[in-house]
PDB file of N, CA and C in Angstrom:
ATOM      1  N   MET A   1    -196.541  61.508  15.851  1.00  0.00           N
ATOM      2  CA  MET A   1    -197.781  62.499  15.897  1.00  0.00           C
ATOM      3  C   MET A   1    -198.625  62.129  14.649  1.00  0.00           C
ATOM      4  N   PRO A   2    -199.844  61.625  14.879  1.00  0.00           N
ATOM      5  CA  PRO A   2    -200.741  61.232  13.766  1.00  0.00           C
ATOM      6  C   PRO A   2    -200.865  62.291  12.682  1.00  0.00           C
ATOM      7  N   HIS A   3    -200.990  61.695  11.628  1.00  0.00           N
ATOM      8  CA  HIS A   3    -201.149  62.656  10.339  1.00  0.00           C
ATOM      9  C   HIS A   3    -202.338  61.957   9.588  1.00  0.00           C
ATOM     10  N   ILE A   4    -202.841  62.746   8.414  1.00  0.00           N
ATOM     11  CA  ILE A   4    -203.456  62.088   7.494  1.00  0.00           C
ATOM     12  C   ILE A   4    -203.092  62.501   6.034  1.00  0.00           C
ATOM     13  N   VAL A   5    -203.003  61.600   5.294  1.00  0.00           N
ATOM     14  CA  VAL A   5    -202.596  61.869   3.830  1.00  0.00           C
ATOM     15  C   VAL A   5    -203.878  61.632   2.945  1.00  0.00           C
ATOM     16  N   VAL A   6    -204.009  62.476   2.119  1.00  0.00           N
ATOM     17  CA  VAL A   6    -205.153  62.456   1.115  1.00  0.00           C
ATOM     18  C   VAL A   6    -204.804  62.384  -0.314  1.00  0.00           C
ATOM     19  N   GLY A   7    -205.354  61.468  -0.884  1.00  0.00           N
ATOM     20  CA  GLY A   7    -205.025  61.248  -2.605  1.00  0.00           C
ATOM     21  C   GLY A   7    -206.258  61.461  -3.235  1.00  0.00           C
ATOM     22  N   THR A   8    -206.190  62.283  -4.219  1.00  0.00           N
ATOM     23  CA  THR A   8    -207.561  62.480  -5.120  1.00  0.00           C
ATOM     24  C   THR A   8    -207.171  62.024  -6.528  1.00  0.00           C
ATOM     25  N   PHE A   9    -208.165  61.255  -7.071  1.00  0.00           N
ATOM     26  CA  PHE A   9    -207.716  60.662  -8.273  1.00  0.00           C
ATOM     27  C   PHE A   9    -208.823  60.975  -9.324  1.00  0.00           C
ATOM     28  N   ASP A  10    -208.523  61.053 -10.724  1.00  0.00           N
ATOM     29  CA  ASP A  10    -209.627  61.310 -11.663  1.00  0.00           C
ATOM     30  C   ASP A  10    -210.223  60.174 -11.960  1.00  0.00           C
ATOM     31  N   GLN A  11    -209.678  58.901 -11.792  1.00  0.00           N
ATOM     32  CA  GLN A  11    -210.345  57.557 -12.082  1.00  0.00           C
ATOM     33  C   GLN A  11    -210.342  56.793 -10.833  1.00  0.00           C
ATOM     34  N   GLN A  12    -211.449  56.112 -10.558  1.00  0.00           N
ATOM     35  CA  GLN A  12    -211.535  55.161  -9.325  1.00  0.00           C
ATOM     36  C   GLN A  12    -210.665  54.001  -9.526  1.00  0.00           C
ATOM     37  N   ALA A  13    -210.335  53.445 -10.813  1.00  0.00           N
ATOM     38  CA  ALA A  13    -209.211  52.515 -10.914  1.00  0.00           C
ATOM     39  C   ALA A  13    -207.919  52.837 -10.361  1.00  0.00           C
ATOM     40  N   ALA A  14    -207.525  54.222 -10.487  1.00  0.00           N
ATOM     41  CA  ALA A  14    -206.324  54.733 -10.014  1.00  0.00           C
ATOM     42  C   ALA A  14    -206.358  54.607  -8.298  1.00  0.00           C
ATOM     43  N   ALA A  15    -207.519  55.030  -7.988  1.00  0.00           N
ATOM     44  CA  ALA A  15    -207.806  55.039  -6.316  1.00  0.00           C
ATOM     45  C   ALA A  15    -207.711  53.683  -6.001  1.00  0.00           C
ATOM     46  N   ARG A  16    -208.405  52.677  -6.622  1.00  0.00           N
ATOM     47  CA  ARG A  16    -208.071  51.274  -6.280  1.00  0.00           C
ATOM     48  C   ARG A  16    -206.600  50.816  -6.122  1.00  0.00           C
ATOM     49  N   ALA A  17    -205.911  51.247  -7.245  1.00  0.00           N
ATOM     50  CA  ALA A  17    -204.538  50.680  -7.464  1.00  0.00           C
ATOM     51  C   ALA A  17    -203.790  51.411  -6.156  1.00  0.00           C
ATOM     52  N   ALA A  18    -204.014  52.679  -5.840  1.00  0.00           N
ATOM     53  CA  ALA A  18    -203.435  53.233  -4.505  1.00  0.00           C
ATOM     54  C   ALA A  18    -203.801  52.438  -3.338  1.00  0.00           C
ATOM     55  N   ILE A  19    -204.827  51.869  -3.253  1.00  0.00           N
ATOM     56  CA  ILE A  19    -205.311  51.072  -2.035  1.00  0.00           C
ATOM     57  C   ILE A  19    -204.639  49.827  -2.048  1.00  0.00           C
ATOM     58  N   VAL A  20    -204.570  49.220  -3.272  1.00  0.00           N
ATOM     59  CA  VAL A  20    -203.720  47.960  -3.166  1.00  0.00           C
ATOM     60  C   VAL A  20    -202.343  48.169  -3.001  1.00  0.00           C
ATOM     61  N   ALA A  21    -201.625  49.277  -3.411  1.00  0.00           N
ATOM     62  CA  ALA A  21    -200.310  49.623  -3.063  1.00  0.00           C
ATOM     63  C   ALA A  21    -200.001  49.819  -1.727  1.00  0.00           C
ATOM     64  N   LEU A  22    -201.104  50.600  -0.903  1.00  0.00           N
ATOM     65  CA  LEU A  22    -200.950  50.846   0.373  1.00  0.00           C
ATOM     66  C   LEU A  22    -200.851  49.442   1.140  1.00  0.00           C
ATOM     67  N   ALA A  23    -201.807  48.399   0.636  1.00  0.00           N
ATOM     68  CA  ALA A  23    -201.884  47.138   1.397  1.00  0.00           C
ATOM     69  C   ALA A  23    -200.586  46.524   1.008  1.00  0.00           C
ATOM     70  N   ASN A  24    -200.175  46.580  -0.120  1.00  0.00           N
ATOM     71  CA  ASN A  24    -198.853  45.770  -0.426  1.00  0.00           C
ATOM     72  C   ASN A  24    -197.640  46.356   0.453  1.00  0.00           C
ATOM     73  N   ASP A  25    -197.697  47.664   0.862  1.00  0.00           N
ATOM     74  CA  ASP A  25    -196.842  48.216   1.765  1.00  0.00           C
ATOM     75  C   ASP A  25    -196.960  48.229   3.252  1.00  0.00           C
ATOM     76  N   ARG A  26    -197.899  47.269   3.401  1.00  0.00           N
ATOM     77  CA  ARG A  26    -198.126  46.905   4.983  1.00  0.00           C
ATOM     78  C   ARG A  26    -198.974  48.097   5.728  1.00  0.00           C
ATOM     79  N   PHE A  27    -199.731  49.053   4.927  1.00  0.00           N
ATOM     80  CA  PHE A  27    -200.543  49.787   5.770  1.00  0.00           C
ATOM     81  C   PHE A  27    -201.763  49.027   6.310  1.00  0.00           C
ATOM     82  N   ASP A  28    -201.964  49.303   7.621  1.00  0.00           N
ATOM     83  CA  ASP A  28    -203.264  48.679   7.988  1.00  0.00           C
ATOM     84  C   ASP A  28    -204.363  49.127   7.336  1.00  0.00           C
ATOM     85  N   PRO A  29    -205.142  47.997   6.727  1.00  0.00           N
ATOM     86  CA  PRO A  29    -206.432  48.468   5.829  1.00  0.00           C
ATOM     87  C   PRO A  29    -207.613  49.105   6.688  1.00  0.00           C
ATOM     88  N   ARG A  30    -207.424  49.062   8.009  1.00  0.00           N
ATOM     89  CA  ARG A  30    -208.487  49.776   8.901  1.00  0.00           C
ATOM     90  C   ARG A  30    -208.174  51.141   8.957  1.00  0.00           C
ATOM     91  N   ARG A  31    -207.040  51.566   8.570  1.00  0.00           N
ATOM     92  CA  ARG A  31    -206.538  53.175   8.434  1.00  0.00           C
ATOM     93  C   ARG A  31    -206.746  53.859   7.196  1.00  0.00           C
ATOM     94  N   VAL A  32    -207.326  53.019   6.165  1.00  0.00           N
ATOM     95  CA  VAL A  32    -207.342  53.414   4.666  1.00  0.00           C
ATOM     96  C   VAL A  32    -208.875  53.577   4.457  1.00  0.00           C
ATOM     97  N   HIS A  33    -209.122  54.630   4.011  1.00  0.00           N
ATOM     98  CA  HIS A  33    -210.669  54.872   3.767  1.00  0.00           C
ATOM     99  C   HIS A  33    -210.804  55.785   2.328  1.00  0.00           C
ATOM    100  N   ALA A  34    -211.894  55.346   1.719  1.00  0.00           N
ATOM    101  CA  ALA A  34    -212.121  55.733   0.361  1.00  0.00           C
ATOM    102  C   ALA A  34    -213.644  56.167   0.193  1.00  0.00           C
ATOM    103  N   ILE A  35    -213.716  57.274  -0.710  1.00  0.00           N
ATOM    104  CA  ILE A  35    -214.969  57.650  -1.110  1.00  0.00           C
ATOM    105  C   ILE A  35    -215.067  58.000  -2.580  1.00  0.00           C
ATOM    106  N   GLU A  36    -216.032  57.431  -3.193  1.00  0.00           N
ATOM    107  CA  GLU A  36    -215.914  57.469  -4.724  1.00  0.00           C
ATOM    108  C   GLU A  36    -217.332  57.461  -5.098  1.00  0.00           C
ATOM    109  N   THR A  37    -217.717  57.860  -6.381  1.00  0.00           N
ATOM    110  CA  THR A  37    -219.029  57.874  -6.993  1.00  0.00           C
ATOM    111  C   THR A  37    -219.202  56.535  -7.320  1.00  0.00           C
ATOM    112  N   ARG A  38    -220.535  56.027  -7.623  1.00  0.00           N
ATOM    113  CA  ARG A  38    -220.790  54.729  -7.737  1.00  0.00           C
ATOM    114  C   ARG A  38    -220.215  54.177  -8.995  1.00  0.00           C
ATOM    115  N   VAL A  39    -219.795  52.931  -8.978  1.00  0.00           N
ATOM    116  CA  VAL A  39    -218.972  52.214  -9.926  1.00  0.00           C
ATOM    117  C   VAL A  39    -219.809  52.099 -11.190  1.00  0.00           C
ATOM    118  N   PRO A  40    -219.267  52.253 -12.313  1.00  0.00           N
ATOM    119  CA  PRO A  40    -220.146  52.398 -13.563  1.00  0.00           C
ATOM    120  C   PRO A  40    -220.587  50.992 -13.929  1.00  0.00           C
ATOM    121  N   ALA A  41    -221.729  50.743 -14.490  1.00  0.00           N
ATOM    122  CA  ALA A  41    -222.113  49.639 -14.963  1.00  0.00           C
ATOM    123  C   ALA A  41    -221.500  49.181 -16.212  1.00  0.00           C
ATOM    124  N   PHE A  42    -221.947  48.045 -16.628  1.00  0.00           N
ATOM    125  CA  PHE A  42    -221.234  47.776 -17.952  1.00  0.00           C
ATOM    126  C   PHE A  42    -222.571  47.262 -18.846  1.00  0.00           C
ATOM    127  N   ASP A  43    -222.434  47.454 -20.058  1.00  0.00           N
ATOM    128  CA  ASP A  43    -223.432  47.286 -20.991  1.00  0.00           C
ATOM    129  C   ASP A  43    -223.437  45.662 -21.405  1.00  0.00           C
ATOM    130  N   ASP A  44    -224.255  45.209 -22.296  1.00  0.00           N
ATOM    131  CA  ASP A  44    -224.221  43.799 -22.626  1.00  0.00           C
ATOM    132  C   ASP A  44    -222.952  43.324 -23.405  1.00  0.00           C
ATOM    133  N   ALA A  45    -222.337  44.415 -24.007  1.00  0.00           N
ATOM    134  CA  ALA A  45    -221.010  44.131 -24.884  1.00  0.00           C
ATOM    135  C   ALA A  45    -219.680  44.205 -23.924  1.00  0.00           C
ATOM    136  N   GLY A  46    -220.064  44.322 -22.570  1.00  0.00           N
ATOM    137  CA  GLY A  46    -218.941  44.666 -21.543  1.00  0.00           C
ATOM    138  C   GLY A  46    -218.236  45.860 -21.429  1.00  0.00           C
ATOM    139  N   GLU A  47    -218.871  47.048 -22.322  1.00  0.00           N
ATOM    140  CA  GLU A  47    -218.182  48.155 -22.302  1.00  0.00           C
ATOM    141  C   GLU A  47    -218.840  49.047 -20.989  1.00  0.00           C
ATOM    142  N   PRO A  48    -218.090  49.824 -20.449  1.00  0.00           N
ATOM    143  CA  PRO A  48    -218.484  50.538 -19.351  1.00  0.00           C
ATOM    144  C   PRO A  48    -219.427  51.535 -19.623  1.00  0.00           C
ATOM    145  N   VAL A  49    -220.496  51.867 -18.978  1.00  0.00           N
ATOM    146  CA  VAL A  49    -221.560  52.726 -19.090  1.00  0.00           C
ATOM    147  C   VAL A  49    -221.146  53.923 -18.248  1.00  0.00           C
ATOM    148  N   PRO A  50    -221.015  55.123 -18.622  1.00  0.00           N
ATOM    149  CA  PRO A  50    -220.652  56.251 -17.721  1.00  0.00           C
ATOM    150  C   PRO A  50    -221.671  56.463 -16.607  1.00  0.00           C
ATOM    151  N   PRO A  51    -220.977  56.853 -15.267  1.00  0.00           N
ATOM    152  CA  PRO A  51    -222.135  56.844 -14.095  1.00  0.00           C
ATOM    153  C   PRO A  51    -223.051  58.048 -14.379  1.00  0.00           C
ATOM    154  N   ALA A  52    -223.955  58.018 -13.799  1.00  0.00           N
ATOM    155  CA  ALA A  52    -224.964  58.944 -13.669  1.00  0.00           C
ATOM    156  C   ALA A  52    -224.438  60.275 -12.913  1.00  0.00           C
ATOM    157  N   PRO A  53    -224.774  61.441 -13.419  1.00  0.00           N
ATOM    158  CA  PRO A  53    -224.321  62.423 -12.787  1.00  0.00           C
ATOM    159  C   PRO A  53    -224.679  62.364 -11.079  1.00  0.00           C
ATOM    160  N   VAL A  54    -223.825  62.851 -10.493  1.00  0.00           N
ATOM    161  CA  VAL A  54    -223.882  63.101  -9.057  1.00  0.00           C
ATOM    162  C   VAL A  54    -224.127  64.441  -8.666  1.00  0.00           C
ATOM    163  N   SER A  55    -225.364  64.645  -7.944  1.00  0.00           N
ATOM    164  CA  SER A  55    -225.594  66.005  -7.502  1.00  0.00           C
ATOM    165  C   SER A  55    -224.528  66.639  -6.410  1.00  0.00           C
ATOM    166  N   ASP A  56    -224.189  67.998  -6.785  1.00  0.00           N
ATOM    167  CA  ASP A  56    -223.231  68.499  -5.814  1.00  0.00           C
ATOM    168  C   ASP A  56    -223.476  68.388  -4.436  1.00  0.00           C
ATOM    169  N   ASP A  57    -224.740  68.550  -3.952  1.00  0.00           N
ATOM    170  CA  ASP A  57    -224.969  68.498  -2.737  1.00  0.00           C
ATOM    171  C   ASP A  57    -224.835  67.050  -1.909  1.00  0.00           C
ATOM    172  N   SER A  58    -224.869  66.038  -2.646  1.00  0.00           N
ATOM    173  CA  SER A  58    -224.766  64.937  -2.071  1.00  0.00           C
ATOM    174  C   SER A  58    -223.222  64.526  -1.992  1.00  0.00           C
ATOM    175  N   VAL A  59    -222.490  64.825  -3.004  1.00  0.00           N
ATOM    176  CA  VAL A  59    -220.878  64.733  -2.992  1.00  0.00           C
ATOM    177  C   VAL A  59    -220.400  65.661  -1.946  1.00  0.00           C
ATOM    178  N   ILE A  60    -220.874  66.817  -1.907  1.00  0.00           N
ATOM    179  CA  ILE A  60    -220.310  67.636  -0.722  1.00  0.00           C
ATOM    180  C   ILE A  60    -220.574  67.224   0.738  1.00  0.00           C
ATOM    181  N   ASP A  61    -221.721  66.662   0.860  1.00  0.00           N
ATOM    182  CA  ASP A  61    -222.196  65.983   2.082  1.00  0.00           C
ATOM    183  C   ASP A  61    -221.248  64.911   2.378  1.00  0.00           C
ATOM    184  N   HIS A  62    -221.034  64.002   1.510  1.00  0.00           N
ATOM    185  CA  HIS A  62    -220.227  62.789   1.637  1.00  0.00           C
ATOM    186  C   HIS A  62    -218.926  63.134   2.070  1.00  0.00           C
ATOM    187  N   LEU A  63    -218.322  64.149   1.459  1.00  0.00           N
ATOM    188  CA  LEU A  63    -216.950  64.723   1.500  1.00  0.00           C
ATOM    189  C   LEU A  63    -216.978  65.198   2.942  1.00  0.00           C
ATOM    190  N   ARG A  64    -217.868  65.965   3.259  1.00  0.00           N
ATOM    191  CA  ARG A  64    -217.821  66.760   4.588  1.00  0.00           C
ATOM    192  C   ARG A  64    -217.719  65.586   5.678  1.00  0.00           C
ATOM    193  N   ASN A  65    -218.586  64.556   5.530  1.00  0.00           N
ATOM    194  CA  ASN A  65    -218.584  63.590   6.574  1.00  0.00           C
ATOM    195  C   ASN A  65    -217.289  62.851   6.548  1.00  0.00           C
ATOM    196  N   PHE A  66    -216.847  62.505   5.359  1.00  0.00           N
ATOM    197  CA  PHE A  66    -215.529  61.759   5.066  1.00  0.00           C
ATOM    198  C   PHE A  66    -214.461  62.429   5.810  1.00  0.00           C
ATOM    199  N   PHE A  67    -214.341  63.885   5.871  1.00  0.00           N
ATOM    200  CA  PHE A  67    -213.378  64.596   6.486  1.00  0.00           C
ATOM    201  C   PHE A  67    -213.434  65.113   7.924  1.00  0.00           C
ATOM    202  N   ALA A  68    -214.901  64.758   8.287  1.00  0.00           N
ATOM    203  CA  ALA A  68    -215.204  65.210   9.599  1.00  0.00           C
ATOM    204  C   ALA A  68    -214.326  65.126  10.661  1.00  0.00           C
ATOM    205  N   GLY A  69    -213.874  66.161  11.573  1.00  0.00           N
ATOM    206  CA  GLY A  69    -212.959  66.200  12.582  1.00  0.00           C
ATOM    207  C   GLY A  69    -211.613  66.201  12.012  1.00  0.00           C
ATOM    208  N   LEU A  70    -211.333  65.905  10.770  1.00  0.00           N
ATOM    209  CA  LEU A  70    -209.957  66.064  10.351  1.00  0.00           C
ATOM    210  C   LEU A  70    -209.473  67.371   9.746  1.00  0.00           C
ATOM    211  N   LEU A  71    -210.299  67.953   9.062  1.00  0.00           N
ATOM    212  CA  LEU A  71    -209.966  69.125   8.415  1.00  0.00           C
ATOM    213  C   LEU A  71    -210.731  70.407   8.876  1.00  0.00           C
ATOM    214  N   GLY A  72    -211.411  70.124   9.895  1.00  0.00           N
ATOM    215  CA  GLY A  72    -212.220  71.391  10.371  1.00  0.00           C
ATOM    216  C   GLY A  72    -213.523  71.293   9.793  1.00  0.00           C
ATOM    217  N   ILE A  73    -214.616  71.803  10.399  1.00  0.00           N
ATOM    218  CA  ILE A  73    -215.980  71.787  10.071  1.00  0.00           C
ATOM    219  C   ILE A  73    -216.038  72.690   8.770  1.00  0.00           C
ATOM    220  N   GLY A  74    -215.287  73.947   8.854  1.00  0.00           N
ATOM    221  CA  GLY A  74    -215.713  74.759   7.486  1.00  0.00           C
ATOM    222  C   GLY A  74    -214.646  74.571   6.507  1.00  0.00           C
ATOM    223  N   HIS A  75    -214.047  73.503   6.487  1.00  0.00           N
ATOM    224  CA  HIS A  75    -213.035  73.191   5.342  1.00  0.00           C
ATOM    225  C   HIS A  75    -213.669  73.143   4.034  1.00  0.00           C
ATOM    226  N   ASP A  76    -213.219  73.842   2.937  1.00  0.00           N
ATOM    227  CA  ASP A  76    -213.774  73.939   1.620  1.00  0.00           C
ATOM    228  C   ASP A  76    -213.443  72.671   0.909  1.00  0.00           C
ATOM    229  N   VAL A  77    -214.540  71.715   0.621  1.00  0.00           N
ATOM    230  CA  VAL A  77    -214.234  70.587  -0.117  1.00  0.00           C
ATOM    231  C   VAL A  77    -214.658  70.529  -1.529  1.00  0.00           C
ATOM    232  N   SER A  78    -214.775  71.728  -2.140  1.00  0.00           N
ATOM    233  CA  SER A  78    -215.245  71.889  -3.454  1.00  0.00           C
ATOM    234  C   SER A  78    -214.245  71.359  -4.503  1.00  0.00           C
ATOM    235  N   ALA A  79    -212.959  71.448  -4.235  1.00  0.00           N
ATOM    236  CA  ALA A  79    -211.865  70.761  -5.115  1.00  0.00           C
ATOM    237  C   ALA A  79    -211.931  69.288  -5.164  1.00  0.00           C
ATOM    238  N   TYR A  80    -212.277  68.684  -3.947  1.00  0.00           N
ATOM    239  CA  TYR A  80    -212.495  67.412  -3.856  1.00  0.00           C
ATOM    240  C   TYR A  80    -213.679  66.878  -4.612  1.00  0.00           C
ATOM    241  N   ALA A  81    -214.898  67.671  -4.483  1.00  0.00           N
ATOM    242  CA  ALA A  81    -216.129  67.392  -5.170  1.00  0.00           C
ATOM    243  C   ALA A  81    -215.982  67.468  -6.656  1.00  0.00           C
ATOM    244  N   ALA A  82    -215.304  68.309  -7.170  1.00  0.00           N
ATOM    245  CA  ALA A  82    -214.995  68.592  -8.634  1.00  0.00           C
ATOM    246  C   ALA A  82    -214.469  67.262  -9.179  1.00  0.00           C
ATOM    247  N   ALA A  83    -213.493  66.878  -8.369  1.00  0.00           N
ATOM    248  CA  ALA A  83    -212.883  65.458  -8.988  1.00  0.00           C
ATOM    249  C   ALA A  83    -213.890  64.441  -9.040  1.00  0.00           C
ATOM    250  N   MET A  84    -214.731  64.423  -7.915  1.00  0.00           N
ATOM    251  CA  MET A  84    -215.634  63.144  -7.789  1.00  0.00           C
ATOM    252  C   MET A  84    -216.795  63.377  -8.779  1.00  0.00           C
ATOM    253  N   ARG A  85    -217.203  64.715  -9.343  1.00  0.00           N
ATOM    254  CA  ARG A  85    -218.151  64.891 -10.180  1.00  0.00           C
ATOM    255  C   ARG A  85    -217.777  64.436 -11.621  1.00  0.00           C
ATOM    256  N   ARG A  86    -216.224  64.462 -11.756  1.00  0.00           N
ATOM    257  CA  ARG A  86    -215.824  63.929 -13.064  1.00  0.00           C
ATOM    258  C   ARG A  86    -215.505  62.293 -13.045  1.00  0.00           C
ATOM    259  N   GLY A  87    -216.198  61.628 -11.893  1.00  0.00           N
ATOM    260  CA  GLY A  87    -215.960  60.269 -11.717  1.00  0.00           C
ATOM    261  C   GLY A  87    -214.818  59.602 -10.967  1.00  0.00           C
ATOM    262  N   GLY A  88    -214.257  60.717 -10.186  1.00  0.00           N
ATOM    263  CA  GLY A  88    -212.924  60.203  -9.534  1.00  0.00           C
ATOM    264  C   GLY A  88    -213.180  59.668  -8.167  1.00  0.00           C
ATOM    265  N   ALA A  89    -212.309  59.692  -7.366  1.00  0.00           N
ATOM    266  CA  ALA A  89    -212.227  59.184  -5.998  1.00  0.00           C
ATOM    267  C   ALA A  89    -211.334  59.840  -5.171  1.00  0.00           C
ATOM    268  N   VAL A  90    -211.458  59.852  -3.785  1.00  0.00           N
ATOM    269  CA  VAL A  90    -210.697  60.385  -2.822  1.00  0.00           C
ATOM    270  C   VAL A  90    -210.163  59.215  -1.764  1.00  0.00           C
ATOM    271  N   VAL A  91    -209.011  58.922  -1.518  1.00  0.00           N
ATOM    272  CA  VAL A  91    -208.621  58.181  -0.564  1.00  0.00           C
ATOM    273  C   VAL A  91    -207.786  58.682   0.485  1.00  0.00           C
ATOM    274  N   ARG A  92    -208.291  58.439   1.806  1.00  0.00           N
ATOM    275  CA  ARG A  92    -207.537  58.989   3.016  1.00  0.00           C
ATOM    276  C   ARG A  92    -206.851  57.730   3.749  1.00  0.00           C
ATOM    277  N   VAL A  93    -205.526  57.943   4.253  1.00  0.00           N
ATOM    278  CA  VAL A  93    -204.859  57.043   5.082  1.00  0.00           C
ATOM    279  C   VAL A  93    -204.470  57.857   6.362  1.00  0.00           C
ATOM    280  N   ASP A  94    -204.801  57.245   7.290  1.00  0.00           N
ATOM    281  CA  ASP A  94    -204.326  57.645   8.558  1.00  0.00           C
ATOM    282  C   ASP A  94    -202.969  57.118   9.052  1.00  0.00           C
ATOM    283  N   VAL A  95    -201.843  57.960   9.210  1.00  0.00           N
ATOM    284  CA  VAL A  95    -200.601  57.381   9.491  1.00  0.00           C
ATOM    285  C   VAL A  95    -200.136  57.929  10.929  1.00  0.00           C
ATOM    286  N   ASP A  96    -198.923  57.366  11.263  1.00  0.00           N
ATOM    287  CA  ASP A  96    -198.470  57.601  12.698  1.00  0.00           C
ATOM    288  C   ASP A  96    -197.322  58.817  12.584  1.00  0.00           C
ATOM    289  N   ASP A  97    -196.520  58.689  11.607  1.00  0.00           N
ATOM    290  CA  ASP A  97    -195.436  59.521  11.509  1.00  0.00           C
ATOM    291  C   ASP A  97    -195.122  60.173  10.081  1.00  0.00           C
ATOM    292  N   GLN A  98    -194.160  60.989   9.988  1.00  0.00           N
ATOM    293  CA  GLN A  98    -193.833  61.608   8.837  1.00  0.00           C
ATOM    294  C   GLN A  98    -193.179  60.702   7.796  1.00  0.00           C
ATOM    295  N   PRO A  99    -192.508  59.501   8.336  1.00  0.00           N
ATOM    296  CA  PRO A  99    -192.035  58.588   7.180  1.00  0.00           C
ATOM    297  C   PRO A  99    -193.104  57.672   6.780  1.00  0.00           C
ATOM    298  N   GLU A 100    -194.055  57.409   7.524  1.00  0.00           N
ATOM    299  CA  GLU A 100    -195.282  56.745   6.818  1.00  0.00           C
ATOM    300  C   GLU A 100    -196.042  57.567   5.962  1.00  0.00           C
ATOM    301  N   ALA A 101    -196.113  58.903   6.445  1.00  0.00           N
ATOM    302  CA  ALA A 101    -196.889  59.889   5.460  1.00  0.00           C
ATOM    303  C   ALA A 101    -196.042  59.809   4.018  1.00  0.00           C
ATOM    304  N   ALA A 102    -194.814  59.959   4.122  1.00  0.00           N
ATOM    305  CA  ALA A 102    -194.061  59.883   2.876  1.00  0.00           C
ATOM    306  C   ALA A 102    -194.185  58.785   2.122  1.00  0.00           C
ATOM    307  N   ARG A 103    -194.286  57.656   2.716  1.00  0.00           N
ATOM    308  CA  ARG A 103    -194.578  56.362   2.025  1.00  0.00           C
ATOM    309  C   ARG A 103    -196.033  56.371   1.199  1.00  0.00           C
ATOM    310  N   ALA A 104    -196.962  56.893   1.926  1.00  0.00           N
ATOM    311  CA  ALA A 104    -198.336  56.780   1.555  1.00  0.00           C
ATOM    312  C   ALA A 104    -198.331  57.881   0.471  1.00  0.00           C
ATOM    313  N   GLU A 105    -197.756  59.041   0.488  1.00  0.00           N
ATOM    314  CA  GLU A 105    -197.807  59.920  -0.590  1.00  0.00           C
ATOM    315  C   GLU A 105    -197.060  59.396  -1.955  1.00  0.00           C
ATOM    316  N   LEU A 106    -196.143  58.673  -1.638  1.00  0.00           N
ATOM    317  CA  LEU A 106    -195.340  58.102  -2.820  1.00  0.00           C
ATOM    318  C   LEU A 106    -196.362  56.957  -3.444  1.00  0.00           C
ATOM    319  N   ALA A 107    -197.108  56.219  -2.624  1.00  0.00           N
ATOM    320  CA  ALA A 107    -198.043  55.120  -3.290  1.00  0.00           C
ATOM    321  C   ALA A 107    -199.063  55.945  -4.076  1.00  0.00           C
ATOM    322  N   PHE A 108    -199.493  57.124  -3.526  1.00  0.00           N
ATOM    323  CA  PHE A 108    -200.693  57.985  -4.166  1.00  0.00           C
ATOM    324  C   PHE A 108    -200.280  58.416  -5.531  1.00  0.00           C
ATOM    325  N   ALA A 109    -198.840  58.995  -5.481  1.00  0.00           N
ATOM    326  CA  ALA A 109    -198.291  59.660  -6.669  1.00  0.00           C
ATOM    327  C   ALA A 109    -197.904  58.496  -7.832  1.00  0.00           C
ATOM    328  N   LYS A 110    -197.540  57.348  -7.415  1.00  0.00           N
ATOM    329  CA  LYS A 110    -197.312  56.303  -8.260  1.00  0.00           C
ATOM    330  C   LYS A 110    -198.571  55.660  -8.853  1.00  0.00           C
ATOM    331  N   ALA A 111    -199.702  55.901  -8.130  1.00  0.00           N
ATOM    332  CA  ALA A 111    -201.075  55.315  -8.739  1.00  0.00           C
ATOM    333  C   ALA A 111    -201.824  56.545  -9.404  1.00  0.00           C
ATOM    334  N   GLY A 112    -201.243  57.660  -9.521  1.00  0.00           N
ATOM    335  CA  GLY A 112    -201.740  58.763 -10.438  1.00  0.00           C
ATOM    336  C   GLY A 112    -202.643  59.797  -9.701  1.00  0.00           C
ATOM    337  N   ALA A 113    -202.256  60.018  -8.260  1.00  0.00           N
ATOM    338  CA  ALA A 113    -203.127  61.104  -7.609  1.00  0.00           C
ATOM    339  C   ALA A 113    -202.806  62.271  -8.523  1.00  0.00           C
ATOM    340  N   ILE A 114    -203.856  63.202  -8.402  1.00  0.00           N
ATOM    341  CA  ILE A 114    -203.905  64.329  -8.996  1.00  0.00           C
ATOM    342  C   ILE A 114    -203.648  65.620  -8.061  1.00  0.00           C
ATOM    343  N   ASP A 115    -203.133  66.797  -8.580  1.00  0.00           N
ATOM    344  CA  ASP A 115    -203.032  67.803  -7.719  1.00  0.00           C
ATOM    345  C   ASP A 115    -204.302  68.788  -7.918  1.00  0.00           C
ATOM    346  N   ILE A 116    -205.292  68.728  -6.799  1.00  0.00           N
ATOM    347  CA  ILE A 116    -206.430  69.349  -6.968  1.00  0.00           C
ATOM    348  C   ILE A 116    -206.280  70.790  -6.882  1.00  0.00           C
ATOM    349  N   THR A 117    -205.153  71.397  -6.593  1.00  0.00           N
ATOM    350  CA  THR A 117    -204.917  72.925  -6.570  1.00  0.00           C
ATOM    351  C   THR A 117    -204.785  73.418  -7.962  1.00  0.00           C
ATOM    352  N   ARG A 118    -204.422  72.500  -8.830  1.00  0.00           N
ATOM    353  CA  ARG A 118    -204.161  72.817 -10.358  1.00  0.00           C
ATOM    354  C   ARG A 118    -205.278  72.526 -11.252  1.00  0.00           C
ATOM    355  N   ARG A 119    -206.415  71.883 -10.565  1.00  0.00           N
ATOM    356  CA  ARG A 119    -207.457  71.613 -11.388  1.00  0.00           C
ATOM    357  C   ARG A 119    -208.641  72.610 -11.355  1.00  0.00           C
ATOM    358  N   PRO A 120    -209.367  72.749 -12.517  1.00  0.00           N
ATOM    359  CA  PRO A 120    -210.507  73.653 -12.411  1.00  0.00           C
ATOM    360  C   PRO A 120    -211.545  72.956 -11.470  1.00  0.00           C
ATOM    361  N   ARG A 121    -212.454  73.832 -10.839  1.00  0.00           N
ATOM    362  CA  ARG A 121    -213.455  73.246  -9.921  1.00  0.00           C
ATOM    363  C   ARG A 121    -214.806  73.034 -10.552  1.00  0.00           C
ATOM    364  N   HIS A 122    -214.971  72.873 -11.806  1.00  0.00           N
ATOM    365  CA  HIS A 122    -216.323  72.638 -12.430  1.00  0.00           C
ATOM    366  C   HIS A 122    -216.475  71.278 -12.937  1.00  0.00           C
TER     367      HIS A 122
END
């Protein structure tokens, strides 16, 4: 039975590490999807420049589209939006069964996925 596994990350680098881990574990890359705020630019000294603030409306619209048909139209995406406002990212992987879901969850946990139910939504 098909499942989705979602990982939410405080940092985009951690989300990218999770995607690499999924690829290394032979997950089909066509079934791995990510949404993140724009990648920070670097200044002349090579130091990262914090990303510009992202409006709540655009983040929420992106997340609703990202989860369209998966979590239901009225699903509350505010916890995911809060992570993205802080510069994070959300990764979704479509899996075929529970053992594959468990492998994806492990990859997300090792890469530093956060528990959005325990984080403030501001």
